Amino acid sequence: MAKVELKSVVKRFGDVRVVHGIDLEIADNEFIVLVGPSGCGKSTILRMVAGLESISDGEIYIGDRCVNEVDPKSRNVAMVFQNYALYPHMTVHDNMGFSLDMAKRPQKEINEKVRKAASMLELEPYLDRKPEALSGGQRQRVAMGRAIVRQPDVFLFDEPLSNLDAQLRTQMRMELKKLHMKFSTTTIYVTHDQIEAMTLADRIVILKDGLIQQVGTPVEVYEKPANVFVAQFIGNPPMNILEGTVARDQGRLGVRTKRSFFPLQEDRKNLWEGQKVLFGLRPDAIKIGDSLNRIPPEWRCTAQVELTEILGGQSLLDLVVDDEISLIAEVEGRVQMQAGSSVEVGFCFDRVVLFDPETEEALSSVAQLEGTAEGTTPERDIAHKKEIEVHTN
């Protein structure tokens, strides 16, 4: 078990720079997830930590040792790949124990470690089978077991669940979290799936074009996105983004859309009248019906329903405000409304995020607004459980 630190790490392929001076500290025992769209550099970063990809500039530390010139086999990391990478001619037992066999460990030790890992992963009945006789989920567990028996300092996962069906992915996510809680080994996990990131991570690293956009707990990146990219990448459906202008109405500073005015507190020193802003609101922060009782009248407006989608315990409403602004609301229960009908909606105004329309950076983490709206909980102000700063060049 060890911490991992990347210091100004750069990766170039010829003249093309794909990773731009990444600085990142990962604490001992931390489960950190690298997430972002295809081509953002997340798998390249993972492969550089593993030693499978050389770094162009910077330093990588595992524990207190700089591993820039250390061979992959000597870094004491274990990597689980998307495609399982099992030897088809070997049994499950031999696949799981292969690294120990190559290290010339005694057969008794190999058998004990393999059986212990197989018991944790519910693979004991399959130890004598070959990979072709296993399901996709079983093969993935074998790949995980092969990593576990090595007892590495760091686990590295490169989109390990992307080949599984939706139900099995959900099951395997839970298994991965349980395994991490049991082993408490530093884990770096790469995925493009935000649900995996939100459910597994102690902290999430959101990447775009080889740069870190934000690092934080799942709650922080969801409620306090650093920019518009994070706001719309994290969350499904993504955050609603509206255009507005800072204005004053009856002495109160607020944001005006085409027809509506939403008041802010007077102490917003970073805002001025006439300033253009982007107004971000999560779909689950838009309320209808009885939920409106705790929303102040000034944070309500009338919307037209374009479409309703029932997702079981929740429903999605496609709404239009001010005749032209499209919003998606995520509400509890099975809600069915006719297209074209009108509905009063209210915004949980303590969850509004304002962005600069030119830089698309957040003007503040969360808009400082009056009152307390439905949905406010202490969890929304949760602090990092690990005080680790992460920066980018």
Protein backbone atom coordinates (compact mmCIF):
# COMPACT_ATOMS: atom_id res chain seq x y z
CA MET A 1 0.00 0.00 0.00
CA ALA A 2 1.37 3.39 -0.96
CA LYS A 3 0.47 6.88 -2.03
CA VAL A 4 0.93 7.86 -5.68
CA GLU A 5 2.09 11.28 -6.82
CA LEU A 6 2.32 12.74 -10.31
CA LYS A 7 4.47 15.86 -10.63
CA SER A 8 4.13 17.92 -13.82
CA VAL A 9 3.65 14.76 -15.88
CA VAL A 10 3.60 15.30 -19.65
CA LYS A 11 3.06 12.82 -22.45
CA ARG A 12 3.88 13.59 -26.06
CA PHE A 13 3.55 11.46 -29.16
CA GLY A 14 5.95 13.17 -31.54
CA ASP A 15 4.98 16.82 -31.61
CA VAL A 16 1.49 16.15 -30.22
CA ARG A 17 1.07 16.68 -26.49
CA VAL A 18 -1.76 14.54 -25.07
CA VAL A 19 -1.17 15.02 -21.33
CA HIS A 20 -0.39 18.55 -20.20
CA GLY A 21 1.65 18.78 -17.00
CA ILE A 22 -0.57 16.83 -14.62
CA ASP A 23 -0.03 17.35 -10.87
CA LEU A 24 -1.95 14.89 -8.73
CA GLU A 25 -1.59 13.37 -5.27
CA ILE A 26 -3.41 10.13 -4.46
CA ALA A 27 -3.41 9.20 -0.79
CA ASP A 28 -2.56 5.80 0.60
CA ASN A 29 -5.70 3.59 0.53
CA GLU A 30 -7.63 6.11 -1.57
CA PHE A 31 -9.97 4.99 -4.36
CA ILE A 32 -9.65 7.62 -7.06
CA VAL A 33 -11.42 7.57 -10.42
CA LEU A 34 -10.17 9.22 -13.61
CA VAL A 35 -13.14 10.05 -15.79
CA GLY A 36 -13.65 11.93 -19.01
CA PRO A 37 -14.58 11.56 -22.67
CA SER A 38 -12.62 9.44 -25.12
CA GLY A 39 -9.23 10.94 -25.90
CA CYS A 40 -8.94 12.95 -22.67
CA GLY A 41 -5.77 11.13 -21.56
CA LYS A 42 -7.10 9.06 -18.66
CA SER A 43 -5.87 5.66 -19.90
CA THR A 44 -2.53 7.17 -20.91
CA ILE A 45 -2.07 8.47 -17.35
CA LEU A 46 -2.90 5.03 -15.95
CA ARG A 47 -0.43 3.33 -18.30
CA MET A 48 2.29 5.77 -17.30
CA VAL A 49 1.74 4.90 -13.64
CA ALA A 50 1.94 1.21 -14.56
CA GLY A 51 5.11 1.74 -16.58
CA LEU A 52 3.51 0.53 -19.80
CA GLU A 53 3.90 4.00 -21.29
CA SER A 54 6.96 6.20 -20.89
CA ILE A 55 6.55 9.77 -19.67
CA SER A 56 7.88 12.68 -21.69
CA ASP A 57 8.42 15.05 -18.75
CA GLY A 58 7.78 15.09 -15.03
CA GLU A 59 8.01 12.50 -12.28
CA ILE A 60 5.84 9.70 -10.94
CA TYR A 61 6.24 8.49 -7.36
CA ILE A 62 4.83 5.32 -5.82
CA GLY A 63 5.39 5.59 -2.10
CA ASP A 64 8.62 7.54 -1.67
CA ARG A 65 10.26 6.09 -4.79
CA CYS A 66 10.46 7.82 -8.17
CA VAL A 67 9.54 5.12 -10.67
CA ASN A 68 10.33 6.92 -13.94
CA GLU A 69 13.08 4.42 -14.77
CA VAL A 70 11.61 1.42 -12.93
CA ASP A 71 10.38 -1.55 -14.98
CA PRO A 72 6.64 -2.32 -14.75
CA LYS A 73 7.27 -5.66 -13.00
CA SER A 74 9.28 -3.89 -10.28
CA ARG A 75 6.71 -1.21 -9.46
CA ASN A 76 4.52 -3.60 -7.43
CA VAL A 77 1.33 -2.51 -9.14
CA ALA A 78 -1.39 -4.78 -10.51
CA MET A 79 -3.45 -3.80 -13.53
CA VAL A 80 -6.86 -5.09 -14.61
CA PHE A 81 -7.60 -4.51 -18.29
CA GLN A 82 -10.84 -4.02 -20.19
CA ASN A 83 -10.30 -7.17 -22.26
CA TYR A 84 -9.45 -9.45 -19.28
CA ALA A 85 -6.07 -10.52 -20.83
CA LEU A 86 -6.41 -14.13 -19.64
CA TYR A 87 -4.31 -16.99 -20.99
CA PRO A 88 -6.80 -19.21 -22.85
CA HIS A 89 -4.79 -22.43 -22.41
CA MET A 90 -4.55 -22.04 -18.61
CA THR A 91 -7.10 -22.88 -15.96
CA VAL A 92 -8.59 -20.23 -13.70
CA HIS A 93 -6.23 -21.37 -10.94
CA ASP A 94 -3.16 -21.04 -13.16
CA ASN A 95 -4.26 -17.68 -14.56
CA MET A 96 -4.73 -16.27 -11.08
CA GLY A 97 -1.42 -17.63 -9.83
CA PHE A 98 0.63 -16.82 -12.94
CA SER A 99 2.45 -13.78 -11.55
CA LEU A 100 3.42 -15.68 -8.40
CA ASP A 101 4.61 -18.61 -10.49
CA MET A 102 6.77 -16.27 -12.58
CA ALA A 103 8.20 -14.88 -9.34
CA LYS A 104 9.22 -18.45 -8.37
CA ARG A 105 7.04 -18.49 -5.26
CA PRO A 106 6.51 -21.85 -3.55
CA GLN A 107 3.56 -23.83 -4.90
CA LYS A 108 1.98 -24.02 -1.45
CA GLU A 109 1.99 -20.23 -1.17
CA ILE A 110 0.51 -19.89 -4.67
CA ASN A 111 -2.29 -22.36 -3.88
CA GLU A 112 -3.16 -20.61 -0.61
CA LYS A 113 -3.29 -17.12 -2.14
CA VAL A 114 -5.25 -18.27 -5.18
CA ARG A 115 -7.85 -20.09 -3.08
CA LYS A 116 -8.22 -17.14 -0.72
CA ALA A 117 -8.80 -14.76 -3.64
CA ALA A 118 -11.14 -17.26 -5.33
CA SER A 119 -13.20 -17.48 -2.14
CA MET A 120 -13.58 -13.69 -2.00
CA LEU A 121 -14.62 -13.56 -5.65
CA GLU A 122 -16.86 -16.67 -5.53
CA LEU A 123 -14.68 -18.46 -8.07
CA GLU A 124 -13.90 -21.63 -6.14
CA PRO A 125 -16.15 -23.88 -8.28
CA TYR A 126 -14.39 -22.68 -11.44
CA LEU A 127 -10.71 -23.05 -10.56
CA ASP A 128 -10.24 -26.02 -12.91
CA ARG A 129 -12.05 -24.40 -15.85
CA LYS A 130 -10.46 -22.53 -18.71
CA PRO A 131 -11.56 -19.00 -19.69
CA GLU A 132 -13.65 -20.19 -22.66
CA ALA A 133 -15.95 -22.01 -20.21
CA LEU A 134 -16.67 -18.83 -18.20
CA SER A 135 -19.13 -15.99 -18.59
CA GLY A 136 -17.93 -12.42 -19.10
CA GLY A 137 -18.47 -11.56 -15.46
CA GLN A 138 -16.56 -14.64 -14.29
CA ARG A 139 -13.65 -13.81 -16.59
CA GLN A 140 -13.52 -10.30 -15.16
CA ARG A 141 -13.44 -11.70 -11.64
CA VAL A 142 -10.55 -13.97 -12.65
CA ALA A 143 -8.66 -10.93 -13.93
CA MET A 144 -9.34 -9.18 -10.64
CA GLY A 145 -8.26 -12.28 -8.72
CA ARG A 146 -4.96 -12.36 -10.61
CA ALA A 147 -4.34 -8.79 -9.40
CA ILE A 148 -5.39 -9.54 -5.83
CA VAL A 149 -3.03 -12.49 -5.30
CA ARG A 150 -0.05 -10.22 -6.00
CA GLN A 151 -0.93 -8.07 -2.96
CA PRO A 152 0.29 -4.95 -4.81
CA ASP A 153 0.89 -1.46 -3.48
CA VAL A 154 -1.51 -0.05 -6.08
CA PHE A 155 -4.43 -1.47 -8.06
CA LEU A 156 -4.91 -0.03 -11.56
CA PHE A 157 -8.23 -0.60 -13.36
CA ASP A 158 -8.63 0.36 -17.02
CA GLU A 159 -12.38 0.40 -17.80
CA PRO A 160 -12.77 -3.13 -16.38
CA LEU A 161 -16.56 -3.26 -16.58
CA SER A 162 -17.21 -1.82 -20.03
CA ASN A 163 -17.61 -5.25 -21.67
CA LEU A 164 -20.32 -6.37 -19.23
CA ASP A 165 -24.07 -5.94 -19.54
CA ALA A 166 -25.83 -3.30 -17.43
CA GLN A 167 -27.04 -5.62 -14.67
CA LEU A 168 -23.66 -7.28 -14.27
CA ARG A 169 -21.90 -3.90 -14.24
CA THR A 170 -24.05 -2.86 -11.30
CA GLN A 171 -23.21 -6.07 -9.44
CA MET A 172 -19.49 -5.79 -10.19
CA ARG A 173 -19.40 -2.15 -9.05
CA MET A 174 -20.64 -3.25 -5.66
CA GLU A 175 -18.09 -6.08 -5.57
CA LEU A 176 -15.27 -3.70 -6.42
CA LYS A 177 -16.28 -1.32 -3.63
CA LYS A 178 -16.47 -4.18 -1.13
CA LEU A 179 -13.05 -5.44 -2.19
CA HIS A 180 -11.55 -1.99 -1.74
CA MET A 181 -13.07 -1.70 1.73
CA LYS A 182 -11.61 -5.12 2.58
CA PHE A 183 -8.10 -4.59 1.19
CA SER A 184 -7.78 -0.80 1.63
CA THR A 185 -5.27 -0.71 -1.23
CA THR A 186 -4.61 2.47 -3.17
CA THR A 187 -6.72 2.21 -6.31
CA ILE A 188 -6.70 4.20 -9.56
CA TYR A 189 -9.71 3.46 -11.73
CA VAL A 190 -10.28 4.71 -15.28
CA THR A 191 -13.75 4.92 -16.80
CA HIS A 192 -15.84 6.99 -19.19
CA ASP A 193 -18.96 6.03 -17.20
CA GLN A 194 -19.93 8.77 -14.77
CA ILE A 195 -22.14 6.39 -12.77
CA GLU A 196 -19.13 4.20 -12.02
CA ALA A 197 -17.18 7.30 -11.05
CA MET A 198 -19.90 8.62 -8.74
CA THR A 199 -20.56 5.30 -7.00
CA LEU A 200 -16.99 4.04 -6.59
CA ALA A 201 -14.77 7.04 -5.99
CA ASP A 202 -13.49 8.64 -2.83
CA ARG A 203 -12.52 11.45 -5.20
CA ILE A 204 -13.09 11.97 -8.90
CA VAL A 205 -10.56 13.46 -11.33
CA ILE A 206 -12.37 14.91 -14.35
CA LEU A 207 -10.20 15.23 -17.45
CA LYS A 208 -10.62 16.97 -20.78
CA ASP A 209 -8.00 17.23 -23.54
CA GLY A 210 -5.20 16.07 -21.26
CA LEU A 211 -5.97 18.61 -18.52
CA ILE A 212 -7.59 18.16 -15.12
CA GLN A 213 -10.82 20.15 -14.98
CA GLN A 214 -11.74 19.43 -11.36
CA VAL A 215 -10.96 17.07 -8.51
CA GLY A 216 -13.33 16.46 -5.63
CA THR A 217 -15.67 14.10 -3.88
CA PRO A 218 -18.65 12.87 -5.91
CA VAL A 219 -20.92 15.29 -4.03
CA GLU A 220 -18.62 18.24 -4.67
CA VAL A 221 -18.23 17.76 -8.41
CA TYR A 222 -21.98 17.21 -8.73
CA GLU A 223 -23.12 20.18 -6.67
CA LYS A 224 -20.17 22.56 -7.17
CA PRO A 225 -18.84 22.07 -10.71
CA ALA A 226 -15.78 24.16 -11.50
CA ASN A 227 -16.91 24.92 -15.05
CA VAL A 228 -19.62 24.24 -17.63
CA PHE A 229 -17.84 21.13 -18.95
CA VAL A 230 -17.91 19.47 -15.53
CA ALA A 231 -21.50 20.61 -14.96
CA GLN A 232 -22.69 18.91 -18.11
CA PHE A 233 -20.39 15.88 -18.07
CA ILE A 234 -21.27 14.83 -14.51
CA GLY A 235 -24.93 14.08 -14.01
CA ASN A 236 -27.51 12.28 -16.11
CA PRO A 237 -29.48 14.20 -17.27
CA PRO A 238 -26.82 16.93 -17.33
CA MET A 239 -27.12 20.27 -15.61
CA ASN A 240 -29.50 22.76 -17.23
CA ILE A 241 -27.62 25.85 -18.43
CA LEU A 242 -29.60 29.07 -19.03
CA GLU A 243 -28.44 32.46 -20.24
CA GLY A 244 -29.15 35.45 -18.02
CA THR A 245 -28.13 38.97 -17.12
CA VAL A 246 -27.39 40.38 -13.68
CA ALA A 247 -30.01 43.02 -12.92
CA ARG A 248 -31.62 44.88 -10.06
CA ASP A 249 -35.35 44.77 -9.39
CA GLN A 250 -36.98 46.70 -6.53
CA GLY A 251 -33.56 47.15 -4.98
CA ARG A 252 -32.66 43.45 -5.12
CA LEU A 253 -29.78 42.07 -7.16
CA GLY A 254 -30.63 39.02 -9.22
CA VAL A 255 -30.49 37.22 -12.55
CA ARG A 256 -32.97 38.07 -15.29
CA THR A 257 -33.80 35.64 -18.07
CA LYS A 258 -36.04 36.63 -20.97
CA ARG A 259 -39.14 37.14 -18.80
CA SER A 260 -38.26 36.02 -15.29
CA PHE A 261 -36.25 37.59 -12.49
CA PHE A 262 -34.62 35.54 -9.72
CA PRO A 263 -33.22 37.55 -6.77
CA LEU A 264 -29.80 36.94 -5.24
CA GLN A 265 -28.35 38.15 -1.98
CA GLU A 266 -26.88 41.63 -1.92
CA ASP A 267 -23.42 40.43 -0.85
CA ARG A 268 -22.46 39.04 -4.28
CA LYS A 269 -19.42 41.28 -4.66
CA ASN A 270 -18.28 39.52 -7.84
CA LEU A 271 -21.44 40.49 -9.75
CA TRP A 272 -22.48 43.78 -11.33
CA GLU A 273 -25.59 45.01 -13.13
CA GLY A 274 -25.58 44.20 -16.83
CA GLN A 275 -23.13 41.32 -16.43
CA LYS A 276 -23.89 38.32 -18.65
CA VAL A 277 -23.95 35.00 -16.81
CA LEU A 278 -24.81 31.37 -17.35
CA PHE A 279 -27.29 30.02 -14.82
CA GLY A 280 -26.84 26.32 -13.97
CA LEU A 281 -29.42 24.14 -12.22
CA ARG A 282 -29.54 20.37 -11.76
CA PRO A 283 -32.68 18.60 -13.06
CA ASP A 284 -33.40 17.23 -9.57
CA ALA A 285 -33.41 20.80 -8.19
CA ILE A 286 -36.53 21.67 -10.22
CA LYS A 287 -39.72 20.94 -8.28
CA ILE A 288 -43.41 20.66 -9.07
CA GLY A 289 -46.61 19.90 -7.15
CA ASP A 290 -46.41 19.54 -3.35
CA SER A 291 -42.64 20.02 -3.45
CA LEU A 292 -43.24 23.69 -4.29
CA ASN A 293 -44.30 24.42 -0.71
CA ARG A 294 -40.74 25.17 0.38
CA ILE A 295 -39.79 27.16 -2.71
CA PRO A 296 -40.23 30.95 -2.31
CA PRO A 297 -42.62 32.54 -4.85
CA GLU A 298 -39.83 34.58 -6.42
CA TRP A 299 -38.09 31.33 -7.45
CA ARG A 300 -41.11 29.93 -9.26
CA CYS A 301 -42.31 30.35 -12.81
CA THR A 302 -44.68 28.77 -15.32
CA ALA A 303 -43.39 26.23 -17.82
CA GLN A 304 -44.90 24.34 -20.74
CA VAL A 305 -44.55 20.58 -20.90
CA GLU A 306 -43.08 19.18 -24.10
CA LEU A 307 -42.52 15.55 -23.11
CA THR A 308 -42.66 13.26 -20.09
CA GLU A 309 -40.57 10.13 -19.56
CA ILE A 310 -41.36 7.72 -16.73
CA LEU A 311 -38.27 5.91 -15.44
CA GLY A 312 -39.88 3.88 -12.68
CA GLY A 313 -39.49 5.76 -9.40
CA GLN A 314 -38.62 9.02 -11.17
CA SER A 315 -39.92 10.94 -14.15
CA LEU A 316 -38.22 13.32 -16.55
CA LEU A 317 -40.10 16.37 -17.78
CA ASP A 318 -38.93 18.27 -20.84
CA LEU A 319 -40.04 21.85 -20.14
CA VAL A 320 -39.96 25.21 -21.91
CA VAL A 321 -39.65 28.43 -19.90
CA ASP A 322 -40.05 31.94 -21.31
CA ASP A 323 -41.24 30.40 -24.61
CA GLU A 324 -37.71 29.45 -25.67
CA ILE A 325 -35.61 28.13 -22.75
CA SER A 326 -35.52 24.33 -22.57
CA LEU A 327 -35.15 22.60 -19.22
CA ILE A 328 -35.17 19.03 -18.01
CA ALA A 329 -36.69 18.35 -14.58
CA GLU A 330 -36.19 15.11 -12.68
CA VAL A 331 -39.07 14.61 -10.24
CA GLU A 332 -40.08 11.87 -7.86
CA GLY A 333 -42.84 9.45 -8.74
CA ARG A 334 -44.65 8.55 -11.95
CA VAL A 335 -45.72 11.84 -13.45
CA GLN A 336 -47.70 11.93 -16.68
CA MET A 337 -48.56 15.28 -18.26
CA GLN A 338 -49.99 16.16 -21.64
CA ALA A 339 -47.67 17.85 -24.12
CA GLY A 340 -48.48 21.56 -24.26
CA SER A 341 -49.93 21.74 -20.75
CA SER A 342 -48.73 24.37 -18.28
CA VAL A 343 -47.16 23.61 -14.91
CA GLU A 344 -45.78 25.77 -12.13
CA VAL A 345 -42.16 24.91 -11.37
CA GLY A 346 -39.87 26.02 -8.60
CA PHE A 347 -36.08 26.08 -8.41
CA CYS A 348 -34.08 24.98 -5.36
CA PHE A 349 -32.27 28.27 -5.47
CA ASP A 350 -29.57 27.22 -2.98
CA ARG A 351 -28.26 24.90 -5.69
CA VAL A 352 -27.87 27.41 -8.52
CA VAL A 353 -24.35 27.75 -9.98
CA LEU A 354 -23.35 30.83 -11.98
CA PHE A 355 -20.74 30.67 -14.75
CA ASP A 356 -18.88 33.26 -16.80
CA PRO A 357 -20.21 32.89 -20.39
CA GLU A 358 -16.77 33.60 -21.92
CA THR A 359 -14.47 31.43 -19.80
CA GLU A 360 -17.27 29.02 -18.74
CA GLU A 361 -15.66 28.94 -15.28
CA ALA A 362 -17.84 29.03 -12.16
CA LEU A 363 -18.21 32.52 -10.71
CA SER A 364 -18.55 30.86 -7.32
CA SER A 365 -18.93 27.28 -6.19
CA VAL A 366 -22.63 27.68 -5.42
CA ALA A 367 -24.65 30.86 -5.76
CA GLN A 368 -25.16 32.56 -2.39
CA LEU A 369 -28.90 32.89 -2.40
CA GLU A 370 -31.53 33.72 0.16
CA GLY A 371 -33.38 31.25 2.34
CA THR A 372 -33.38 27.48 2.50
CA ALA A 373 -35.01 25.47 -0.25
CA GLU A 374 -36.12 21.89 -0.37
CA GLY A 375 -33.26 19.52 -0.88
CA THR A 376 -30.74 21.40 1.30
CA THR A 377 -28.85 18.89 3.44
CA PRO A 378 -25.58 18.93 5.40
CA GLU A 379 -24.23 16.41 2.89
CA ARG A 380 -24.23 19.07 0.19
CA ASP A 381 -21.56 20.94 2.13
CA ILE A 382 -19.51 17.85 2.89
CA ALA A 383 -15.78 18.49 3.16
CA HIS A 384 -13.06 16.41 1.60
CA LYS A 385 -12.32 13.47 3.81
CA LYS A 386 -8.75 13.75 2.62
CA GLU A 387 -7.24 17.24 2.52
CA ILE A 388 -5.26 16.84 -0.68
CA GLU A 389 -4.83 19.67 -3.14
CA VAL A 390 -4.76 18.90 -6.85
CA HIS A 391 -3.64 21.38 -9.46
CA THR A 392 -2.97 21.55 -13.17
CA ASN A 393 -0.46 23.56 -15.15
